[in-house]
C-alpha atoms as a PDB file:
ATOM      1  CA  MET A   1     104.652 100.907 136.459  1.00  0.00           C
ATOM      2  CA  ASN A   2     104.392 104.046 134.329  1.00  0.00           C
ATOM      3  CA  GLY A   3     105.707 102.102 131.301  1.00  0.00           C
ATOM      4  CA  MET A   4     103.046  99.460 131.840  1.00  0.00           C
ATOM      5  CA  ARG A   5     100.267 102.077 131.800  1.00  0.00           C
ATOM      6  CA  TRP A   6     101.663 103.492 128.570  1.00  0.00           C
ATOM      7  CA  ASN A   7     101.719  99.998 127.051  1.00  0.00           C
ATOM      8  CA  ILE A   8      98.115  99.338 128.088  1.00  0.00           C
ATOM      9  CA  ALA A   9      97.012 102.711 126.711  1.00  0.00           C
ATOM     10  CA  LEU A  10      98.785 102.061 123.406  1.00  0.00           C
ATOM     11  CA  CYS A  11      97.260  98.583 123.110  1.00  0.00           C
ATOM     12  CA  GLY A  12      93.815 100.013 123.792  1.00  0.00           C
ATOM     13  CA  ALA A  13      94.309 102.689 121.137  1.00  0.00           C
ATOM     14  CA  LEU A  14      95.535 100.111 118.616  1.00  0.00           C
ATOM     15  CA  LEU A  15      92.577  97.839 119.291  1.00  0.00           C
ATOM     16  CA  TRP A  16      90.189 100.764 118.939  1.00  0.00           C
ATOM     17  CA  LEU A  17      91.819 101.697 115.638  1.00  0.00           C
ATOM     18  CA  ALA A  18      91.782  98.108 114.362  1.00  0.00           C
ATOM     19  CA  SER A  19      88.116  97.726 115.235  1.00  0.00           C
ATOM     20  CA  GLY A  20      87.255 100.665 112.994  1.00  0.00           C
ATOM     21  CA  GLY A  21      86.825 103.108 115.852  1.00  0.00           C
ATOM     22  CA  ALA A  22      88.633 105.766 113.879  1.00  0.00           C
ATOM     23  CA  GLY A  23      85.907 105.637 111.223  1.00  0.00           C
ATOM     24  CA  ALA A  24      86.259 104.241 107.760  1.00  0.00           C
ATOM     25  CA  ALA A  25      87.312 106.528 104.965  1.00  0.00           C
ATOM     26  CA  SER A  26      84.822 107.216 102.172  1.00  0.00           C
ATOM     27  CA  LYS A  27      84.942 105.300  98.880  1.00  0.00           C
ATOM     28  CA  ALA A  28      86.195 108.432  97.111  1.00  0.00           C
ATOM     29  CA  GLU A  29      89.009 108.891  99.665  1.00  0.00           C
ATOM     30  CA  ILE A  30      90.050 105.250  99.439  1.00  0.00           C
ATOM     31  CA  ASP A  31      89.915 105.309  95.618  1.00  0.00           C
ATOM     32  CA  ALA A  32      92.111 108.438  95.463  1.00  0.00           C
ATOM     33  CA  GLU A  33      94.684 106.916  97.835  1.00  0.00           C
ATOM     34  CA  VAL A  34      94.619 103.611  95.912  1.00  0.00           C
ATOM     35  CA  ARG A  35      95.278 105.403  92.590  1.00  0.00           C
ATOM     36  CA  GLN A  36      98.253 107.214  94.132  1.00  0.00           C
ATOM     37  CA  ALA A  37      99.601 103.980  95.661  1.00  0.00           C
ATOM     38  CA  VAL A  38      99.387 102.174  92.297  1.00  0.00           C
ATOM     39  CA  GLN A  39     101.264 105.044  90.603  1.00  0.00           C
ATOM     40  CA  ASN A  40     103.983 104.841  93.284  1.00  0.00           C
ATOM     41  CA  PHE A  41     104.118 101.056  92.907  1.00  0.00           C
ATOM     42  CA  HIS A  42     104.679 101.375  89.161  1.00  0.00           C
ATOM     43  CA  LYS A  43     107.517 103.871  89.800  1.00  0.00           C
ATOM     44  CA  HIS A  44     109.262 101.494  92.234  1.00  0.00           C
ATOM     45  CA  THR A  45     109.204  98.299  90.194  1.00  0.00           C
ATOM     46  CA  SER A  46     108.678  97.773  86.482  1.00  0.00           C
ATOM     47  CA  ALA A  47     108.581  93.999  87.109  1.00  0.00           C
ATOM     48  CA  GLY A  48     105.736  94.536  89.581  1.00  0.00           C
ATOM     49  CA  ARG A  49     103.909  96.665  87.026  1.00  0.00           C
ATOM     50  CA  GLU A  50     104.193  93.848  84.461  1.00  0.00           C
ATOM     51  CA  LEU A  51     102.815  91.317  86.961  1.00  0.00           C
ATOM     52  CA  ALA A  52      99.978  93.688  87.909  1.00  0.00           C
ATOM     53  CA  GLN A  53      98.962  93.962  84.249  1.00  0.00           C
ATOM     54  CA  LYS A  54      98.666  90.149  84.085  1.00  0.00           C
ATOM     55  CA  ALA A  55      96.846  89.788  87.436  1.00  0.00           C
ATOM     56  CA  ALA A  56      93.152  88.897  87.688  1.00  0.00           C
ATOM     57  CA  GLY A  57      92.834  91.272  90.650  1.00  0.00           C
ATOM     58  CA  MET A  58      94.903  93.689  92.704  1.00  0.00           C
ATOM     59  CA  LEU A  59      94.220  94.392  96.387  1.00  0.00           C
ATOM     60  CA  VAL A  60      95.757  97.733  97.370  1.00  0.00           C
ATOM     61  CA  PHE A  61      96.204  99.063 100.908  1.00  0.00           C
ATOM     62  CA  PRO A  62      97.738 102.528 100.415  1.00  0.00           C
ATOM     63  CA  SER A  63      98.650 103.133 104.049  1.00  0.00           C
ATOM     64  CA  VAL A  64      98.954 100.380 106.612  1.00  0.00           C
ATOM     65  CA  ILE A  65      99.965 101.833 109.967  1.00  0.00           C
ATOM     66  CA  LYS A  66     101.922  99.555 112.282  1.00  0.00           C
ATOM     67  CA  ALA A  67     102.762 100.619 115.838  1.00  0.00           C
ATOM     68  CA  GLY A  68     103.823  98.936 119.016  1.00  0.00           C
ATOM     69  CA  ILE A  69     105.718  98.849 122.255  1.00  0.00           C
ATOM     70  CA  GLY A  70     106.114  95.163 123.069  1.00  0.00           C
ATOM     71  CA  ILE A  71     102.548  94.562 121.895  1.00  0.00           C
ATOM     72  CA  GLY A  72     101.658  95.983 118.532  1.00  0.00           C
ATOM     73  CA  GLY A  73      99.065  96.158 115.849  1.00  0.00           C
ATOM     74  CA  GLU A  74      98.493  97.323 112.329  1.00  0.00           C
ATOM     75  CA  TYR A  75      95.521  98.602 110.375  1.00  0.00           C
ATOM     76  CA  GLY A  76      94.782  99.917 106.894  1.00  0.00           C
ATOM     77  CA  GLU A  77      91.951 100.293 104.397  1.00  0.00           C
ATOM     78  CA  GLY A  78      92.014  99.700 100.670  1.00  0.00           C
ATOM     79  CA  ALA A  79      90.266  98.467  97.562  1.00  0.00           C
ATOM     80  CA  LEU A  80      90.203  95.435  95.314  1.00  0.00           C
ATOM     81  CA  LEU A  81      90.800  96.426  91.704  1.00  0.00           C
ATOM     82  CA  VAL A  82      89.626  94.238  88.829  1.00  0.00           C
ATOM     83  CA  LYS A  83      90.510  95.529  85.359  1.00  0.00           C
ATOM     84  CA  GLY A  84      91.576  98.804  86.981  1.00  0.00           C
ATOM     85  CA  LYS A  85      88.225  99.471  88.706  1.00  0.00           C
ATOM     86  CA  SER A  86      87.409  99.299  92.428  1.00  0.00           C
ATOM     87  CA  VAL A  87      84.978  96.420  92.929  1.00  0.00           C
ATOM     88  CA  ALA A  88      85.069  96.086  96.742  1.00  0.00           C
ATOM     89  CA  TYR A  89      86.661  97.658  99.812  1.00  0.00           C
ATOM     90  CA  TYR A  90      88.635  95.927 102.559  1.00  0.00           C
ATOM     91  CA  ASN A  91      90.602  96.515 105.718  1.00  0.00           C
ATOM     92  CA  VAL A  92      93.685  94.689 106.941  1.00  0.00           C
ATOM     93  CA  ALA A  93      94.467  94.220 110.622  1.00  0.00           C
ATOM     94  CA  ALA A  94      97.033  92.263 112.597  1.00  0.00           C
ATOM     95  CA  ALA A  95      98.372  92.074 116.130  1.00  0.00           C
ATOM     96  CA  SER A  96     101.826  91.051 117.300  1.00  0.00           C
ATOM     97  CA  ILE A  97     103.737  90.392 120.486  1.00  0.00           C
ATOM     98  CA  GLY A  98     107.500  90.597 120.789  1.00  0.00           C
ATOM     99  CA  PHE A  99     110.349  93.063 120.636  1.00  0.00           C
ATOM    100  CA  GLN A 100     109.030  96.123 118.834  1.00  0.00           C
ATOM    101  CA  LEU A 101     109.141  99.830 119.402  1.00  0.00           C
ATOM    102  CA  GLY A 102     107.872 102.584 117.153  1.00  0.00           C
ATOM    103  CA  ALA A 103     105.508 103.143 114.292  1.00  0.00           C
ATOM    104  CA  GLN A 104     105.648 102.939 110.528  1.00  0.00           C
ATOM    105  CA  ALA A 105     103.375 103.420 107.532  1.00  0.00           C
ATOM    106  CA  ARG A 106     103.689 101.278 104.440  1.00  0.00           C
ATOM    107  CA  THR A 107     101.788 100.323 101.319  1.00  0.00           C
ATOM    108  CA  GLN A 108     100.724  96.726 100.758  1.00  0.00           C
ATOM    109  CA  ILE A 109      99.673  95.320  97.399  1.00  0.00           C
ATOM    110  CA  ILE A 110      98.463  91.775  96.831  1.00  0.00           C
ATOM    111  CA  LEU A 111      98.168  90.444  93.284  1.00  0.00           C
ATOM    112  CA  PHE A 112      95.800  87.569  92.545  1.00  0.00           C
ATOM    113  CA  MET A 113      97.442  86.085  89.465  1.00  0.00           C
ATOM    114  CA  ASN A 114      94.564  83.877  88.317  1.00  0.00           C
ATOM    115  CA  GLU A 115      90.781  83.831  88.441  1.00  0.00           C
ATOM    116  CA  GLY A 116      90.761  80.887  90.883  1.00  0.00           C
ATOM    117  CA  SER A 117      92.813  82.645  93.570  1.00  0.00           C
ATOM    118  CA  LEU A 118      90.763  85.836  93.116  1.00  0.00           C
ATOM    119  CA  ALA A 119      87.447  83.954  93.339  1.00  0.00           C
ATOM    120  CA  SER A 120      88.595  82.113  96.473  1.00  0.00           C
ATOM    121  CA  PHE A 121      89.514  85.433  98.116  1.00  0.00           C
ATOM    122  CA  ARG A 122      86.235  87.106  97.135  1.00  0.00           C
ATOM    123  CA  ARG A 123      84.144  84.178  98.478  1.00  0.00           C
ATOM    124  CA  SER A 124      85.810  84.313 101.894  1.00  0.00           C
ATOM    125  CA  GLN A 125      84.114  85.933 104.875  1.00  0.00           C
ATOM    126  CA  GLY A 126      87.449  87.159 106.170  1.00  0.00           C
ATOM    127  CA  TRP A 127      90.743  86.083 104.671  1.00  0.00           C
ATOM    128  CA  THR A 128      93.873  85.507 106.739  1.00  0.00           C
ATOM    129  CA  ALA A 129      97.224  85.444 104.958  1.00  0.00           C
ATOM    130  CA  GLY A 130      99.024  82.191 105.666  1.00  0.00           C
ATOM    131  CA  VAL A 131      95.801  80.442 106.740  1.00  0.00           C
ATOM    132  CA  ASP A 132      93.261  80.980 103.958  1.00  0.00           C
ATOM    133  CA  GLY A 133      95.928  81.595 101.333  1.00  0.00           C
ATOM    134  CA  SER A 134      99.668  81.847 101.063  1.00  0.00           C
ATOM    135  CA  VAL A 135     101.109  85.145  99.861  1.00  0.00           C
ATOM    136  CA  ALA A 136     104.514  84.960  98.167  1.00  0.00           C
ATOM    137  CA  LEU A 137     106.358  88.113  99.213  1.00  0.00           C
ATOM    138  CA  ALA A 138     108.138  89.614  96.212  1.00  0.00           C
ATOM    139  CA  THR A 139     111.740  90.700  96.556  1.00  0.00           C
ATOM    140  CA  LEU A 140     113.748  92.377  93.846  1.00  0.00           C
ATOM    141  CA  GLY A 141     116.865  90.854  92.375  1.00  0.00           C
ATOM    142  CA  ALA A 142     119.538  92.265  90.118  1.00  0.00           C
ATOM    143  CA  GLY A 143     118.231  94.858  87.703  1.00  0.00           C
ATOM    144  CA  GLY A 144     114.907  95.116  89.560  1.00  0.00           C
ATOM    145  CA  SER A 145     113.704  91.690  88.451  1.00  0.00           C
ATOM    146  CA  ILE A 146     111.435  89.509  90.576  1.00  0.00           C
ATOM    147  CA  ASP A 147     112.460  85.947  91.369  1.00  0.00           C
ATOM    148  CA  THR A 148     110.992  83.666  88.684  1.00  0.00           C
ATOM    149  CA  GLU A 149     109.640  81.203  91.258  1.00  0.00           C
ATOM    150  CA  THR A 150     107.787  84.020  93.051  1.00  0.00           C
ATOM    151  CA  ALA A 151     106.369  85.242  89.741  1.00  0.00           C
ATOM    152  CA  LYS A 152     104.740  81.803  89.230  1.00  0.00           C
ATOM    153  CA  LYS A 153     102.781  81.886  92.524  1.00  0.00           C
ATOM    154  CA  PRO A 154      98.983  82.414  92.463  1.00  0.00           C
ATOM    155  CA  VAL A 155      99.114  85.217  95.078  1.00  0.00           C
ATOM    156  CA  ILE A 156     102.033  87.669  95.188  1.00  0.00           C
ATOM    157  CA  GLY A 157     102.481  90.449  97.724  1.00  0.00           C
ATOM    158  CA  PHE A 158     104.502  93.651  97.698  1.00  0.00           C
ATOM    159  CA  ILE A 159     105.277  95.822 100.709  1.00  0.00           C
ATOM    160  CA  PHE A 160     106.869  99.204 100.128  1.00  0.00           C
ATOM    161  CA  SER A 161     107.217 102.684 101.541  1.00  0.00           C
ATOM    162  CA  ASN A 162     107.957 105.974  99.871  1.00  0.00           C
ATOM    163  CA  LYS A 163     111.614 104.856  99.952  1.00  0.00           C
ATOM    164  CA  GLY A 164     111.063 101.694  97.909  1.00  0.00           C
ATOM    165  CA  LEU A 165     110.348  98.002  98.320  1.00  0.00           C
ATOM    166  CA  MET A 166     110.729  96.817 101.922  1.00  0.00           C
ATOM    167  CA  TYR A 167     112.417  93.568 102.963  1.00  0.00           C
ATOM    168  CA  ASN A 168     112.083  91.084 105.829  1.00  0.00           C
ATOM    169  CA  LEU A 169     108.398  91.796 106.274  1.00  0.00           C
ATOM    170  CA  THR A 170     105.486  89.420 106.009  1.00  0.00           C
ATOM    171  CA  PHE A 171     101.775  89.257 105.302  1.00  0.00           C
ATOM    172  CA  GLU A 172     101.374  86.161 107.506  1.00  0.00           C
ATOM    173  CA  GLY A 173      98.636  86.573 110.097  1.00  0.00           C
ATOM    174  CA  SER A 174      97.132  89.662 108.479  1.00  0.00           C
ATOM    175  CA  LYS A 175      93.323  89.443 108.561  1.00  0.00           C
ATOM    176  CA  ILE A 176      91.600  90.998 105.565  1.00  0.00           C
ATOM    177  CA  SER A 177      87.890  91.781 105.868  1.00  0.00           C
ATOM    178  CA  LYS A 178      85.358  93.386 103.547  1.00  0.00           C
ATOM    179  CA  ILE A 179      84.082  96.819 104.598  1.00  0.00           C
ATOM    180  CA  ASP A 180      81.327  99.109 103.389  1.00  0.00           C
ATOM    181  CA  PRO A 181      82.713 102.661 103.562  1.00  0.00           C
END
């Protein structure tokens, strides 16, 4: 029974966090974290940097925290960059059920490769990956290259930590909503 109480308490804390209970960061804080995340991204993958330079927009979540014990959740705040400037702020949240234990922080970057995909995202009142738009998750091949089929997609996502690009992760089900920090 003690484990069940812990699980309920964790779920409550995750829901509180995902609902913004922890308080949104300021625009200046988000912008500083986004700049650092983009610098780290460029260090990890030159192919990603090349794609980012071609992208119509870049949605950056510097720190997405995921935690769970059986039932889990994730939350992070970030900014949409167009031509290198923050034009809007967003949060990402998701919930999951299944075998999981622990917590992790990671950076998520979504590139909108054309004006149409960017405009569709910006018009949405809440965008869910896999429902409102498909995100092709980039993986690195030999020599740090990105699969050529992935590079042709209109929306490309990267997930990485301070140790490099992360594999076997997904954006599917992540709800992205505009915020006003």
